[in-house]
C-alpha atoms as a PDB file:
ATOM      1  CA  MET A   1      78.018  18.874 -13.031  1.00  0.00           C
ATOM      2  CA  ALA A   2      81.115  19.253 -15.193  1.00  0.00           C
ATOM      3  CA  GLU A   3      81.378  22.291 -17.458  1.00  0.00           C
ATOM      4  CA  THR A   4      81.872  21.509 -21.179  1.00  0.00           C
ATOM      5  CA  ILE A   5      84.636  23.386 -22.985  1.00  0.00           C
ATOM      6  CA  ASN A   6      85.811  23.060 -26.585  1.00  0.00           C
ATOM      7  CA  ILE A   7      89.323  21.945 -27.509  1.00  0.00           C
ATOM      8  CA  HIS A   8      90.500  25.378 -28.670  1.00  0.00           C
ATOM      9  CA  ALA A   9      89.427  27.038 -25.413  1.00  0.00           C
ATOM     10  CA  ALA A  10      91.025  24.221 -23.405  1.00  0.00           C
ATOM     11  CA  LYS A  11      94.330  24.694 -25.238  1.00  0.00           C
ATOM     12  CA  THR A  12      94.388  28.449 -24.845  1.00  0.00           C
ATOM     13  CA  GLN A  13      93.219  28.460 -21.210  1.00  0.00           C
ATOM     14  CA  LEU A  14      94.929  25.307 -19.918  1.00  0.00           C
ATOM     15  CA  SER A  15      96.749  27.027 -17.044  1.00  0.00           C
ATOM     16  CA  LYS A  16      93.538  28.640 -15.801  1.00  0.00           C
ATOM     17  CA  LEU A  17      91.619  25.383 -16.167  1.00  0.00           C
ATOM     18  CA  LEU A  18      94.244  23.487 -14.184  1.00  0.00           C
ATOM     19  CA  LYS A  19      94.023  26.005 -11.343  1.00  0.00           C
ATOM     20  CA  ARG A  20      90.253  25.508 -11.245  1.00  0.00           C
ATOM     21  CA  VAL A  21      90.651  21.724 -11.413  1.00  0.00           C
ATOM     22  CA  ALA A  22      93.052  21.910  -8.458  1.00  0.00           C
ATOM     23  CA  GLN A  23      90.192  23.569  -6.537  1.00  0.00           C
ATOM     24  CA  GLY A  24      87.920  20.602  -7.321  1.00  0.00           C
ATOM     25  CA  GLU A  25      86.162  21.580 -10.548  1.00  0.00           C
ATOM     26  CA  GLU A  26      85.714  19.189 -13.500  1.00  0.00           C
ATOM     27  CA  PHE A  27      85.569  19.905 -17.209  1.00  0.00           C
ATOM     28  CA  ILE A  28      84.451  17.936 -20.247  1.00  0.00           C
ATOM     29  CA  ILE A  29      86.582  18.683 -23.312  1.00  0.00           C
ATOM     30  CA  ALA A  30      84.565  18.444 -26.512  1.00  0.00           C
ATOM     31  CA  ASN A  31      85.406  18.315 -30.208  1.00  0.00           C
ATOM     32  CA  HIS A  32      82.626  19.856 -32.313  1.00  0.00           C
ATOM     33  CA  GLY A  33      80.258  19.440 -29.367  1.00  0.00           C
ATOM     34  CA  LYS A  34      81.076  15.740 -28.877  1.00  0.00           C
ATOM     35  CA  PRO A  35      82.668  14.917 -25.490  1.00  0.00           C
ATOM     36  CA  VAL A  36      86.125  13.341 -25.879  1.00  0.00           C
ATOM     37  CA  ALA A  37      87.844  13.742 -22.502  1.00  0.00           C
ATOM     38  CA  ARG A  38      87.297  14.635 -18.858  1.00  0.00           C
ATOM     39  CA  LEU A  39      89.637  16.951 -16.951  1.00  0.00           C
ATOM     40  CA  SER A  40      89.268  16.243 -13.245  1.00  0.00           C
ATOM     41  CA  PRO A  41      91.317  16.439 -10.047  1.00  0.00           C
ATOM     42  CA  GLU A  42      93.825  13.645  -9.453  1.00  0.00           C
ATOM     43  CA  VAL A  43      92.769  11.258  -6.734  1.00  0.00           C
ATOM     44  CA  SER A  44      95.875  10.034  -4.990  1.00  0.00           C
ATOM     45  CA  ARG A  45      95.655   6.536  -3.624  1.00  0.00           C
ATOM     46  CA  LYS A  46      97.710   5.787  -0.570  1.00  0.00           C
ATOM     47  CA  ARG A  47      99.533   2.498  -0.885  1.00  0.00           C
ATOM     48  CA  THR A  48      99.548   0.128   2.040  1.00  0.00           C
ATOM     49  CA  PRO A  49     102.657  -2.055   1.917  1.00  0.00           C
ATOM     50  CA  GLY A  50     102.038  -5.630   2.913  1.00  0.00           C
ATOM     51  CA  ARG A  51      98.267  -5.471   2.634  1.00  0.00           C
ATOM     52  CA  PHE A  52      98.265  -8.882   0.921  1.00  0.00           C
ATOM     53  CA  ALA A  53     100.791 -10.443   3.291  1.00  0.00           C
ATOM     54  CA  ASP A  54      98.141 -12.726   4.782  1.00  0.00           C
ATOM     55  CA  ALA A  55      96.825 -13.825   1.391  1.00  0.00           C
ATOM     56  CA  THR A  56      96.983 -17.495   0.561  1.00  0.00           C
ATOM     57  CA  SER A  57     100.132 -18.294  -1.370  1.00  0.00           C
ATOM     58  CA  ILE A  58     101.046 -21.177  -3.633  1.00  0.00           C
ATOM     59  CA  PRO A  59     103.402 -23.652  -1.936  1.00  0.00           C
ATOM     60  CA  ASP A  60     106.785 -24.058  -3.646  1.00  0.00           C
ATOM     61  CA  GLU A  61     106.172 -27.728  -4.419  1.00  0.00           C
ATOM     62  CA  VAL A  62     103.059 -26.758  -6.428  1.00  0.00           C
ATOM     63  CA  PHE A  63     104.506 -23.594  -7.974  1.00  0.00           C
ATOM     64  CA  PHE A  64     107.565 -25.390  -9.366  1.00  0.00           C
ATOM     65  CA  GLU A  65     105.636 -28.446 -10.548  1.00  0.00           C
ATOM     66  CA  PRO A  66     106.180 -29.093 -14.292  1.00  0.00           C
ATOM     67  CA  LEU A  67     103.404 -27.992 -16.641  1.00  0.00           C
ATOM     68  CA  ASP A  68     101.364 -30.616 -18.418  1.00  0.00           C
ATOM     69  CA  ASP A  69     101.726 -30.826 -22.231  1.00  0.00           C
ATOM     70  CA  GLU A  70      98.588 -28.762 -22.926  1.00  0.00           C
ATOM     71  CA  GLU A  71      99.672 -25.862 -20.666  1.00  0.00           C
ATOM     72  CA  GLN A  72     103.230 -26.009 -22.013  1.00  0.00           C
ATOM     73  CA  ALA A  73     101.899 -25.733 -25.573  1.00  0.00           C
ATOM     74  CA  LEU A  74      99.912 -22.618 -24.632  1.00  0.00           C
ATOM     75  CA  TRP A  75     103.052 -20.927 -23.272  1.00  0.00           C
ATOM     76  CA  GLU A  76     105.000 -21.803 -26.414  1.00  0.00           C
ATOM     77  CA  LYS A  77     102.292 -20.616 -28.821  1.00  0.00           C
ATOM     78  CA  PRO A  78     103.655 -17.855 -31.113  1.00  0.00           C
ATOM     79  CA  VAL A  79     102.407 -14.353 -30.429  1.00  0.00           C
ATOM     80  CA  ALA A  80     100.503 -12.730 -33.299  1.00  0.00           C
ATOM     81  CA  THR A  81     102.029  -9.507 -34.625  1.00  0.00           C
ATOM     82  CA  ASP A  82     100.614  -6.787 -36.857  1.00  0.00           C
ATOM     83  CA  GLU A  83     103.483  -7.036 -39.324  1.00  0.00           C
END
């Protein structure tokens, strides 16, 4: 079970917490008792180059086929902005 620690304690003891996390411990960082983040060890994922090499691919004659009007219109649709 992860230990809960408040934000102020996490800020002041970050180096110590990181050493404990490196040893496998987890912490929940809380703001006024409400959990807002989890501090846990990094799980490295080993990449396997070429693992999808045998996957089915799209033949060039299909990939480069022109889009129909409906699909073309979707690609040309303006992108909404927050401005």
